[in-house]
Amino acid sequence: MKKLSESFVTAAEARSSLDKRDVEKLTYEQKICLDFLKKHFNIPAEKSRELMNELQNIGRINDKHASIIANLMPKTKEDVKLIFSKERTTLSDEEINKVLETVTKYEN
């Protein structure tokens, strides 16, 4: 199978996508996924996309990192550092503080 394109979405966007489909036509795995997403991700898809866009404007944060941050909603500097621990990209303390401020704005 050939991959045509790749894009990163947040869990809230995945939930929104599954919510739009007829539940009876979802596969078993999709139903389990939808149930999990409903229990753990309450932020609206539009807000999660706004959060991703705002995070990408901070600095060296790409789509992948922005979607991970939007899904995990880190609360401490250590949480943010863990997200980047296996990456070549490291954020400065100033950038980490901006990430935390941005995430705080979008928390419920």
PDB file of N, CA and C in Angstrom:
ATOM      1  N   MET A   1       0.840  -1.166   0.000  1.00  0.00           N
ATOM      2  CA  MET A   1       0.000   0.000   0.000  1.00  0.00           C
ATOM      3  C   MET A   1       0.893   1.239   0.000  1.00  0.00           C
ATOM      4  N   LYS A   2       0.543   2.206  -0.819  1.00  0.00           N
ATOM      5  CA  LYS A   2       1.330   3.419  -0.958  1.00  0.00           C
ATOM      6  C   LYS A   2       0.696   4.539  -0.146  1.00  0.00           C
ATOM      7  N   LYS A   3       1.513   5.212   0.656  1.00  0.00           N
ATOM      8  CA  LYS A   3       1.027   6.339   1.454  1.00  0.00           C
ATOM      9  C   LYS A   3       1.018   7.575   0.571  1.00  0.00           C
ATOM     10  N   LEU A   4      -0.148   8.198   0.455  1.00  0.00           N
ATOM     11  CA  LEU A   4      -0.280   9.375  -0.390  1.00  0.00           C
ATOM     12  C   LEU A   4       0.037  10.663   0.354  1.00  0.00           C
ATOM     13  N   SER A   5      -0.402  10.728   1.588  1.00  0.00           N
ATOM     14  CA  SER A   5      -0.121  11.925   2.378  1.00  0.00           C
ATOM     15  C   SER A   5      -0.232  11.589   3.864  1.00  0.00           C
ATOM     16  N   GLU A   6       0.234  12.511   4.656  1.00  0.00           N
ATOM     17  CA  GLU A   6       0.200  12.315   6.098  1.00  0.00           C
ATOM     18  C   GLU A   6      -0.113  13.646   6.755  1.00  0.00           C
ATOM     19  N   SER A   7      -1.025  13.619   7.704  1.00  0.00           N
ATOM     20  CA  SER A   7      -1.316  14.816   8.477  1.00  0.00           C
ATOM     21  C   SER A   7      -1.628  14.412   9.908  1.00  0.00           C
ATOM     22  N   PHE A   8      -1.331  15.296  10.823  1.00  0.00           N
ATOM     23  CA  PHE A   8      -1.554  15.019  12.235  1.00  0.00           C
ATOM     24  C   PHE A   8      -2.827  15.714  12.687  1.00  0.00           C
ATOM     25  N   VAL A   9      -3.641  14.988  13.418  1.00  0.00           N
ATOM     26  CA  VAL A   9      -4.868  15.533  13.971  1.00  0.00           C
ATOM     27  C   VAL A   9      -4.874  15.294  15.472  1.00  0.00           C
ATOM     28  N   THR A  10      -5.644  16.076  16.169  1.00  0.00           N
ATOM     29  CA  THR A  10      -5.770  15.887  17.605  1.00  0.00           C
ATOM     30  C   THR A  10      -6.824  14.827  17.885  1.00  0.00           C
ATOM     31  N   ALA A  11      -6.827  14.349  19.098  1.00  0.00           N
ATOM     32  CA  ALA A  11      -7.825  13.358  19.507  1.00  0.00           C
ATOM     33  C   ALA A  11      -9.226  13.950  19.418  1.00  0.00           C
ATOM     34  N   ALA A  12      -9.355  15.237  19.718  1.00  0.00           N
ATOM     35  CA  ALA A  12     -10.658  15.894  19.631  1.00  0.00           C
ATOM     36  C   ALA A  12     -11.166  15.916  18.189  1.00  0.00           C
ATOM     37  N   GLU A  13     -10.270  16.109  17.244  1.00  0.00           N
ATOM     38  CA  GLU A  13     -10.664  16.096  15.836  1.00  0.00           C
ATOM     39  C   GLU A  13     -11.040  14.689  15.395  1.00  0.00           C
ATOM     40  N   ALA A  14     -10.325  13.690  15.887  1.00  0.00           N
ATOM     41  CA  ALA A  14     -10.661  12.303  15.577  1.00  0.00           C
ATOM     42  C   ALA A  14     -12.038  11.962  16.139  1.00  0.00           C
ATOM     43  N   ARG A  15     -12.303  12.440  17.352  1.00  0.00           N
ATOM     44  CA  ARG A  15     -13.612  12.212  17.974  1.00  0.00           C
ATOM     45  C   ARG A  15     -14.711  12.864  17.140  1.00  0.00           C
ATOM     46  N   SER A  16     -14.485  14.077  16.722  1.00  0.00           N
ATOM     47  CA  SER A  16     -15.465  14.792  15.909  1.00  0.00           C
ATOM     48  C   SER A  16     -15.747  14.050  14.606  1.00  0.00           C
ATOM     49  N   SER A  17     -14.696  13.535  13.998  1.00  0.00           N
ATOM     50  CA  SER A  17     -14.836  12.787  12.749  1.00  0.00           C
ATOM     51  C   SER A  17     -15.666  11.518  12.954  1.00  0.00           C
ATOM     52  N   LEU A  18     -15.395  10.806  14.042  1.00  0.00           N
ATOM     53  CA  LEU A  18     -16.156   9.585  14.323  1.00  0.00           C
ATOM     54  C   LEU A  18     -17.580   9.887  14.744  1.00  0.00           C
ATOM     55  N   ASP A  19     -17.787  11.004  15.440  1.00  0.00           N
ATOM     56  CA  ASP A  19     -19.131  11.399  15.869  1.00  0.00           C
ATOM     57  C   ASP A  19     -20.054  11.670  14.681  1.00  0.00           C
ATOM     58  N   LYS A  20     -19.482  12.142  13.582  1.00  0.00           N
ATOM     59  CA  LYS A  20     -20.278  12.483  12.402  1.00  0.00           C
ATOM     60  C   LYS A  20     -20.771  11.254  11.646  1.00  0.00           C
ATOM     61  N   ARG A  21     -20.165  10.105  11.928  1.00  0.00           N
ATOM     62  CA  ARG A  21     -20.525   8.886  11.204  1.00  0.00           C
ATOM     63  C   ARG A  21     -21.663   8.157  11.907  1.00  0.00           C
ATOM     64  N   ASP A  22     -22.371   7.345  11.172  1.00  0.00           N
ATOM     65  CA  ASP A  22     -23.443   6.527  11.725  1.00  0.00           C
ATOM     66  C   ASP A  22     -22.823   5.447  12.617  1.00  0.00           C
ATOM     67  N   VAL A  23     -23.228   5.416  13.871  1.00  0.00           N
ATOM     68  CA  VAL A  23     -22.642   4.485  14.849  1.00  0.00           C
ATOM     69  C   VAL A  23     -22.820   3.040  14.403  1.00  0.00           C
ATOM     70  N   GLU A  24     -23.895   2.742  13.756  1.00  0.00           N
ATOM     71  CA  GLU A  24     -24.160   1.369  13.310  1.00  0.00           C
ATOM     72  C   GLU A  24     -23.178   0.913  12.233  1.00  0.00           C
ATOM     73  N   LYS A  25     -22.607   1.856  11.512  1.00  0.00           N
ATOM     74  CA  LYS A  25     -21.677   1.505  10.429  1.00  0.00           C
ATOM     75  C   LYS A  25     -20.219   1.481  10.875  1.00  0.00           C
ATOM     76  N   LEU A  26     -19.968   1.863  12.135  1.00  0.00           N
ATOM     77  CA  LEU A  26     -18.597   1.840  12.632  1.00  0.00           C
ATOM     78  C   LEU A  26     -18.159   0.409  12.909  1.00  0.00           C
ATOM     79  N   THR A  27     -16.873   0.163  12.698  1.00  0.00           N
ATOM     80  CA  THR A  27     -16.338  -1.159  13.028  1.00  0.00           C
ATOM     81  C   THR A  27     -16.200  -1.265  14.545  1.00  0.00           C
ATOM     82  N   TYR A  28     -15.951  -2.467  15.015  1.00  0.00           N
ATOM     83  CA  TYR A  28     -15.783  -2.704  16.448  1.00  0.00           C
ATOM     84  C   TYR A  28     -14.678  -1.823  17.025  1.00  0.00           C
ATOM     85  N   GLU A  29     -13.545  -1.757  16.330  1.00  0.00           N
ATOM     86  CA  GLU A  29     -12.411  -0.970  16.792  1.00  0.00           C
ATOM     87  C   GLU A  29     -12.745   0.519  16.824  1.00  0.00           C
ATOM     88  N   GLN A  30     -13.480   0.987  15.824  1.00  0.00           N
ATOM     89  CA  GLN A  30     -13.871   2.393  15.780  1.00  0.00           C
ATOM     90  C   GLN A  30     -14.824   2.736  16.927  1.00  0.00           C
ATOM     91  N   LYS A  31     -15.706   1.813  17.268  1.00  0.00           N
ATOM     92  CA  LYS A  31     -16.622   2.039  18.389  1.00  0.00           C
ATOM     93  C   LYS A  31     -15.857   2.134  19.703  1.00  0.00           C
ATOM     94  N   ILE A  32     -14.871   1.267  19.889  1.00  0.00           N
ATOM     95  CA  ILE A  32     -14.049   1.314  21.099  1.00  0.00           C
ATOM     96  C   ILE A  32     -13.279   2.627  21.149  1.00  0.00           C
ATOM     97  N   CYS A  33     -12.728   3.017  20.032  1.00  0.00           N
ATOM     98  CA  CYS A  33     -11.972   4.268  19.940  1.00  0.00           C
ATOM     99  C   CYS A  33     -12.877   5.464  20.265  1.00  0.00           C
ATOM    100  N   LEU A  34     -14.058   5.494  19.690  1.00  0.00           N
ATOM    101  CA  LEU A  34     -15.000   6.585  19.935  1.00  0.00           C
ATOM    102  C   LEU A  34     -15.380   6.642  21.412  1.00  0.00           C
ATOM    103  N   ASP A  35     -15.613   5.507  22.019  1.00  0.00           N
ATOM    104  CA  ASP A  35     -15.953   5.462  23.442  1.00  0.00           C
ATOM    105  C   ASP A  35     -14.809   6.034  24.284  1.00  0.00           C
ATOM    106  N   PHE A  36     -13.588   5.643  23.978  1.00  0.00           N
ATOM    107  CA  PHE A  36     -12.420   6.152  24.692  1.00  0.00           C
ATOM    108  C   PHE A  36     -12.298   7.659  24.521  1.00  0.00           C
ATOM    109  N   LEU A  37     -12.440   8.138  23.290  1.00  0.00           N
ATOM    110  CA  LEU A  37     -12.298   9.563  23.013  1.00  0.00           C
ATOM    111  C   LEU A  37     -13.370  10.381  23.726  1.00  0.00           C
ATOM    112  N   LYS A  38     -14.584   9.860  23.803  1.00  0.00           N
ATOM    113  CA  LYS A  38     -15.665  10.566  24.500  1.00  0.00           C
ATOM    114  C   LYS A  38     -15.381  10.672  25.993  1.00  0.00           C
ATOM    115  N   LYS A  39     -14.756   9.664  26.555  1.00  0.00           N
ATOM    116  CA  LYS A  39     -14.470   9.668  27.991  1.00  0.00           C
ATOM    117  C   LYS A  39     -13.311  10.587  28.362  1.00  0.00           C
ATOM    118  N   HIS A  40     -12.331  10.730  27.469  1.00  0.00           N
ATOM    119  CA  HIS A  40     -11.084  11.396  27.849  1.00  0.00           C
ATOM    120  C   HIS A  40     -10.794  12.729  27.175  1.00  0.00           C
ATOM    121  N   PHE A  41     -11.507  13.077  26.138  1.00  0.00           N
ATOM    122  CA  PHE A  41     -11.197  14.316  25.417  1.00  0.00           C
ATOM    123  C   PHE A  41     -12.463  15.138  25.242  1.00  0.00           C
ATOM    124  N   ASN A  42     -12.567  16.206  26.048  1.00  0.00           N
ATOM    125  CA  ASN A  42     -13.777  17.025  26.040  1.00  0.00           C
ATOM    126  C   ASN A  42     -13.622  18.351  25.316  1.00  0.00           C
ATOM    127  N   ILE A  43     -12.429  18.686  24.906  1.00  0.00           N
ATOM    128  CA  ILE A  43     -12.196  19.944  24.198  1.00  0.00           C
ATOM    129  C   ILE A  43     -12.795  19.839  22.790  1.00  0.00           C
ATOM    130  N   PRO A  44     -13.489  20.872  22.329  1.00  0.00           N
ATOM    131  CA  PRO A  44     -14.040  20.842  20.966  1.00  0.00           C
ATOM    132  C   PRO A  44     -12.930  20.776  19.906  1.00  0.00           C
ATOM    133  N   ALA A  45     -13.236  20.163  18.785  1.00  0.00           N
ATOM    134  CA  ALA A  45     -12.253  19.994  17.711  1.00  0.00           C
ATOM    135  C   ALA A  45     -11.711  21.333  17.213  1.00  0.00           C
ATOM    136  N   GLU A  46     -12.572  22.340  17.126  1.00  0.00           N
ATOM    137  CA  GLU A  46     -12.134  23.650  16.643  1.00  0.00           C
ATOM    138  C   GLU A  46     -11.101  24.259  17.594  1.00  0.00           C
ATOM    139  N   LYS A  47     -11.363  24.121  18.896  1.00  0.00           N
ATOM    140  CA  LYS A  47     -10.425  24.676  19.882  1.00  0.00           C
ATOM    141  C   LYS A  47      -9.098  23.929  19.862  1.00  0.00           C
ATOM    142  N   SER A  48      -9.153  22.611  19.665  1.00  0.00           N
ATOM    143  CA  SER A  48      -7.901  21.854  19.631  1.00  0.00           C
ATOM    144  C   SER A  48      -7.078  22.232  18.401  1.00  0.00           C
ATOM    145  N   ARG A  49      -7.735  22.519  17.284  1.00  0.00           N
ATOM    146  CA  ARG A  49      -7.023  22.962  16.081  1.00  0.00           C
ATOM    147  C   ARG A  49      -6.424  24.350  16.307  1.00  0.00           C
ATOM    148  N   GLU A  50      -7.173  25.237  16.981  1.00  0.00           N
ATOM    149  CA  GLU A  50      -6.644  26.564  17.311  1.00  0.00           C
ATOM    150  C   GLU A  50      -5.412  26.431  18.199  1.00  0.00           C
ATOM    151  N   LEU A  51      -5.492  25.532  19.173  1.00  0.00           N
ATOM    152  CA  LEU A  51      -4.362  25.292  20.066  1.00  0.00           C
ATOM    153  C   LEU A  51      -3.151  24.811  19.276  1.00  0.00           C
ATOM    154  N   MET A  52      -3.358  23.862  18.371  1.00  0.00           N
ATOM    155  CA  MET A  52      -2.251  23.372  17.541  1.00  0.00           C
ATOM    156  C   MET A  52      -1.615  24.501  16.741  1.00  0.00           C
ATOM    157  N   ASN A  53      -2.446  25.336  16.126  1.00  0.00           N
ATOM    158  CA  ASN A  53      -1.923  26.449  15.323  1.00  0.00           C
ATOM    159  C   ASN A  53      -1.133  27.433  16.180  1.00  0.00           C
ATOM    160  N   GLU A  54      -1.645  27.715  17.372  1.00  0.00           N
ATOM    161  CA  GLU A  54      -0.952  28.634  18.263  1.00  0.00           C
ATOM    162  C   GLU A  54       0.384  28.053  18.734  1.00  0.00           C
ATOM    163  N   LEU A  55       0.391  26.754  19.005  1.00  0.00           N
ATOM    164  CA  LEU A  55       1.630  26.094  19.433  1.00  0.00           C
ATOM    165  C   LEU A  55       2.684  26.124  18.334  1.00  0.00           C
ATOM    166  N   GLN A  56       2.259  25.974  17.084  1.00  0.00           N
ATOM    167  CA  GLN A  56       3.211  25.986  15.975  1.00  0.00           C
ATOM    168  C   GLN A  56       3.851  27.357  15.790  1.00  0.00           C
ATOM    169  N   ASN A  57       3.192  28.398  16.274  1.00  0.00           N
ATOM    170  CA  ASN A  57       3.752  29.747  16.157  1.00  0.00           C
ATOM    171  C   ASN A  57       4.793  30.047  17.229  1.00  0.00           C
ATOM    172  N   ILE A  58       4.922  29.175  18.206  1.00  0.00           N
ATOM    173  CA  ILE A  58       5.856  29.415  19.320  1.00  0.00           C
ATOM    174  C   ILE A  58       7.301  29.329  18.860  1.00  0.00           C
ATOM    175  N   GLY A  59       7.621  28.362  18.059  1.00  0.00           N
ATOM    176  CA  GLY A  59       9.025  28.233  17.652  1.00  0.00           C
ATOM    177  C   GLY A  59       9.243  26.972  16.858  1.00  0.00           C
ATOM    178  N   ARG A  60      10.030  26.081  17.415  1.00  0.00           N
ATOM    179  CA  ARG A  60      10.419  24.869  16.705  1.00  0.00           C
ATOM    180  C   ARG A  60       9.427  23.724  16.892  1.00  0.00           C
ATOM    181  N   ILE A  61       8.168  24.029  17.056  1.00  0.00           N
ATOM    182  CA  ILE A  61       7.152  22.999  17.252  1.00  0.00           C
ATOM    183  C   ILE A  61       6.475  22.726  15.913  1.00  0.00           C
ATOM    184  N   ASN A  62       6.547  21.470  15.468  1.00  0.00           N
ATOM    185  CA  ASN A  62       5.931  21.096  14.191  1.00  0.00           C
ATOM    186  C   ASN A  62       4.543  20.487  14.434  1.00  0.00           C
ATOM    187  N   ASP A  63       3.887  20.023  13.359  1.00  0.00           N
ATOM    188  CA  ASP A  63       2.539  19.435  13.458  1.00  0.00           C
ATOM    189  C   ASP A  63       2.493  18.283  14.447  1.00  0.00           C
ATOM    190  N   LYS A  64       3.472  17.418  14.357  1.00  0.00           N
ATOM    191  CA  LYS A  64       3.508  16.230  15.213  1.00  0.00           C
ATOM    192  C   LYS A  64       3.549  16.619  16.686  1.00  0.00           C
ATOM    193  N   HIS A  65       4.480  17.498  17.033  1.00  0.00           N
ATOM    194  CA  HIS A  65       4.616  17.910  18.424  1.00  0.00           C
ATOM    195  C   HIS A  65       3.391  18.683  18.902  1.00  0.00           C
ATOM    196  N   ALA A  66       2.848  19.523  18.041  1.00  0.00           N
ATOM    197  CA  ALA A  66       1.670  20.308  18.416  1.00  0.00           C
ATOM    198  C   ALA A  66       0.475  19.395  18.702  1.00  0.00           C
ATOM    199  N   SER A  67       0.304  18.348  17.902  1.00  0.00           N
ATOM    200  CA  SER A  67      -0.822  17.435  18.141  1.00  0.00           C
ATOM    201  C   SER A  67      -0.615  16.641  19.428  1.00  0.00           C
ATOM    202  N   ILE A  68       0.621  16.249  19.713  1.00  0.00           N
ATOM    203  CA  ILE A  68       0.904  15.529  20.964  1.00  0.00           C
ATOM    204  C   ILE A  68       0.631  16.427  22.165  1.00  0.00           C
ATOM    205  N   ILE A  69       1.077  17.671  22.090  1.00  0.00           N
ATOM    206  CA  ILE A  69       0.846  18.602  23.188  1.00  0.00           C
ATOM    207  C   ILE A  69      -0.651  18.855  23.366  1.00  0.00           C
ATOM    208  N   ALA A  70      -1.372  19.027  22.262  1.00  0.00           N
ATOM    209  CA  ALA A  70      -2.818  19.264  22.345  1.00  0.00           C
ATOM    210  C   ALA A  70      -3.556  18.060  22.932  1.00  0.00           C
ATOM    211  N   ASN A  71      -3.053  16.872  22.685  1.00  0.00           N
ATOM    212  CA  ASN A  71      -3.689  15.673  23.237  1.00  0.00           C
ATOM    213  C   ASN A  71      -3.371  15.485  24.716  1.00  0.00           C
ATOM    214  N   LEU A  72      -2.120  15.738  25.093  1.00  0.00           N
ATOM    215  CA  LEU A  72      -1.698  15.487  26.470  1.00  0.00           C
ATOM    216  C   LEU A  72      -1.969  16.647  27.418  1.00  0.00           C
ATOM    217  N   MET A  73      -2.025  17.860  26.890  1.00  0.00           N
ATOM    218  CA  MET A  73      -2.255  19.065  27.689  1.00  0.00           C
ATOM    219  C   MET A  73      -1.325  19.085  28.914  1.00  0.00           C
ATOM    220  N   PRO A  74      -0.014  19.178  28.704  1.00  0.00           N
ATOM    221  CA  PRO A  74       0.937  19.127  29.819  1.00  0.00           C
ATOM    222  C   PRO A  74       0.725  20.281  30.798  1.00  0.00           C
ATOM    223  N   LYS A  75       1.014  20.000  32.059  1.00  0.00           N
ATOM    224  CA  LYS A  75       0.798  20.995  33.103  1.00  0.00           C
ATOM    225  C   LYS A  75       2.100  21.488  33.741  1.00  0.00           C
ATOM    226  N   THR A  76       3.191  20.774  33.532  1.00  0.00           N
ATOM    227  CA  THR A  76       4.469  21.166  34.131  1.00  0.00           C
ATOM    228  C   THR A  76       5.562  21.199  33.065  1.00  0.00           C
ATOM    229  N   LYS A  77       6.663  21.842  33.416  1.00  0.00           N
ATOM    230  CA  LYS A  77       7.818  21.905  32.516  1.00  0.00           C
ATOM    231  C   LYS A  77       8.349  20.502  32.222  1.00  0.00           C
ATOM    232  N   GLU A  78       8.329  19.660  33.233  1.00  0.00           N
ATOM    233  CA  GLU A  78       8.826  18.286  33.069  1.00  0.00           C
ATOM    234  C   GLU A  78       7.986  17.516  32.052  1.00  0.00           C
ATOM    235  N   ASP A  79       6.678  17.758  32.067  1.00  0.00           N
ATOM    236  CA  ASP A  79       5.794  17.095  31.098  1.00  0.00           C
ATOM    237  C   ASP A  79       6.149  17.492  29.669  1.00  0.00           C
ATOM    238  N   VAL A  80       6.414  18.768  29.472  1.00  0.00           N
ATOM    239  CA  VAL A  80       6.778  19.259  28.134  1.00  0.00           C
ATOM    240  C   VAL A  80       8.128  18.676  27.729  1.00  0.00           C
ATOM    241  N   LYS A  81       9.069  18.655  28.653  1.00  0.00           N
ATOM    242  CA  LYS A  81      10.393  18.104  28.349  1.00  0.00           C
ATOM    243  C   LYS A  81      10.306  16.627  27.984  1.00  0.00           C
ATOM    244  N   LEU A  82       9.403  15.889  28.628  1.00  0.00           N
ATOM    245  CA  LEU A  82       9.221  14.465  28.301  1.00  0.00           C
ATOM    246  C   LEU A  82       8.740  14.273  26.870  1.00  0.00           C
ATOM    247  N   ILE A  83       7.887  15.152  26.402  1.00  0.00           N
ATOM    248  CA  ILE A  83       7.378  15.052  25.031  1.00  0.00           C
ATOM    249  C   ILE A  83       8.533  15.145  24.033  1.00  0.00           C
ATOM    250  N   PHE A  84       9.510  15.963  24.355  1.00  0.00           N
ATOM    251  CA  PHE A  84      10.642  16.178  23.451  1.00  0.00           C
ATOM    252  C   PHE A  84      11.874  15.357  23.818  1.00  0.00           C
ATOM    253  N   SER A  85      11.773  14.462  24.780  1.00  0.00           N
ATOM    254  CA  SER A  85      12.943  13.749  25.285  1.00  0.00           C
ATOM    255  C   SER A  85      13.626  12.861  24.247  1.00  0.00           C
ATOM    256  N   LYS A  86      12.893  12.302  23.321  1.00  0.00           N
ATOM    257  CA  LYS A  86      13.511  11.435  22.309  1.00  0.00           C
ATOM    258  C   LYS A  86      13.632  12.125  20.952  1.00  0.00           C
ATOM    259  N   GLU A  87      13.485  13.402  20.950  1.00  0.00           N
ATOM    260  CA  GLU A  87      13.563  14.157  19.705  1.00  0.00           C
ATOM    261  C   GLU A  87      14.876  14.928  19.650  1.00  0.00           C
ATOM    262  N   ARG A  88      15.252  15.319  18.473  1.00  0.00           N
ATOM    263  CA  ARG A  88      16.441  16.159  18.321  1.00  0.00           C
ATOM    264  C   ARG A  88      16.149  17.593  18.731  1.00  0.00           C
ATOM    265  N   THR A  89      14.891  17.952  18.689  1.00  0.00           N
ATOM    266  CA  THR A  89      14.476  19.297  19.044  1.00  0.00           C
ATOM    267  C   THR A  89      14.385  19.435  20.560  1.00  0.00           C
ATOM    268  N   THR A  90      15.010  20.452  21.090  1.00  0.00           N
ATOM    269  CA  THR A  90      14.847  20.773  22.502  1.00  0.00           C
ATOM    270  C   THR A  90      14.373  22.212  22.599  1.00  0.00           C
ATOM    271  N   LEU A  91      13.485  22.445  23.518  1.00  0.00           N
ATOM    272  CA  LEU A  91      12.928  23.782  23.685  1.00  0.00           C
ATOM    273  C   LEU A  91      13.646  24.516  24.813  1.00  0.00           C
ATOM    274  N   SER A  92      13.757  25.806  24.650  1.00  0.00           N
ATOM    275  CA  SER A  92      14.328  26.632  25.713  1.00  0.00           C
ATOM    276  C   SER A  92      13.292  26.784  26.829  1.00  0.00           C
ATOM    277  N   ASP A  93      13.735  27.261  27.976  1.00  0.00           N
ATOM    278  CA  ASP A  93      12.807  27.483  29.092  1.00  0.00           C
ATOM    279  C   ASP A  93      11.723  28.486  28.710  1.00  0.00           C
ATOM    280  N   GLU A  94      12.091  29.477  27.935  1.00  0.00           N
ATOM    281  CA  GLU A  94      11.121  30.482  27.488  1.00  0.00           C
ATOM    282  C   GLU A  94      10.047  29.834  26.607  1.00  0.00           C
ATOM    283  N   GLU A  95      10.464  28.974  25.683  1.00  0.00           N
ATOM    284  CA  GLU A  95       9.508  28.294  24.806  1.00  0.00           C
ATOM    285  C   GLU A  95       8.611  27.339  25.600  1.00  0.00           C
ATOM    286  N   ILE A  96       9.189  26.659  26.576  1.00  0.00           N
ATOM    287  CA  ILE A  96       8.394  25.755  27.418  1.00  0.00           C
ATOM    288  C   ILE A  96       7.346  26.543  28.186  1.00  0.00           C
ATOM    289  N   ASN A  97       7.729  27.700  28.711  1.00  0.00           N
ATOM    290  CA  ASN A  97       6.771  28.538  29.432  1.00  0.00           C
ATOM    291  C   ASN A  97       5.648  29.018  28.512  1.00  0.00           C
ATOM    292  N   LYS A  98       5.986  29.351  27.264  1.00  0.00           N
ATOM    293  CA  LYS A  98       4.968  29.760  26.298  1.00  0.00           C
ATOM    294  C   LYS A  98       4.018  28.607  26.004  1.00  0.00           C
ATOM    295  N   VAL A  99       4.553  27.392  25.888  1.00  0.00           N
ATOM    296  CA  VAL A  99       3.713  26.211  25.653  1.00  0.00           C
ATOM    297  C   VAL A  99       2.733  26.043  26.806  1.00  0.00           C
ATOM    298  N   LEU A 100       3.230  26.131  28.021  1.00  0.00           N
ATOM    299  CA  LEU A 100       2.376  25.956  29.204  1.00  0.00           C
ATOM    300  C   LEU A 100       1.316  27.054  29.300  1.00  0.00           C
ATOM    301  N   GLU A 101       1.668  28.288  28.977  1.00  0.00           N
ATOM    302  CA  GLU A 101       0.703  29.396  28.982  1.00  0.00           C
ATOM    303  C   GLU A 101      -0.386  29.150  27.933  1.00  0.00           C
ATOM    304  N   THR A 102       0.020  28.702  26.771  1.00  0.00           N
ATOM    305  CA  THR A 102      -0.934  28.455  25.689  1.00  0.00           C
ATOM    306  C   THR A 102      -1.884  27.318  26.058  1.00  0.00           C
ATOM    307  N   VAL A 103      -1.353  26.242  26.603  1.00  0.00           N
ATOM    308  CA  VAL A 103      -2.185  25.111  27.006  1.00  0.00           C
ATOM    309  C   VAL A 103      -3.173  25.520  28.085  1.00  0.00           C
ATOM    310  N   THR A 104      -2.721  26.332  29.029  1.00  0.00           N
ATOM    311  CA  THR A 104      -3.585  26.801  30.119  1.00  0.00           C
ATOM    312  C   THR A 104      -4.786  27.582  29.586  1.00  0.00           C
ATOM    313  N   LYS A 105      -4.582  28.366  28.522  1.00  0.00           N
ATOM    314  CA  LYS A 105      -5.680  29.133  27.929  1.00  0.00           C
ATOM    315  C   LYS A 105      -6.790  28.230  27.398  1.00  0.00           C
ATOM    316  N   TYR A 106      -6.437  27.035  26.956  1.00  0.00           N
ATOM    317  CA  TYR A 106      -7.401  26.139  26.311  1.00  0.00           C
ATOM    318  C   TYR A 106      -7.957  25.061  27.223  1.00  0.00           C
ATOM    319  N   GLU A 107      -7.535  25.023  28.463  1.00  0.00           N
ATOM    320  CA  GLU A 107      -8.065  24.005  29.376  1.00  0.00           C
ATOM    321  C   GLU A 107      -9.503  24.332  29.718  1.00  0.00           C
ATOM    322  N   ASN A 108     -10.270  23.278  29.974  1.00  0.00           N
ATOM    323  CA  ASN A 108     -11.686  23.468  30.332  1.00  0.00           C
ATOM    324  C   ASN A 108     -11.821  23.912  31.761  1.00  0.00           C
TER     325      ASN A 108
END
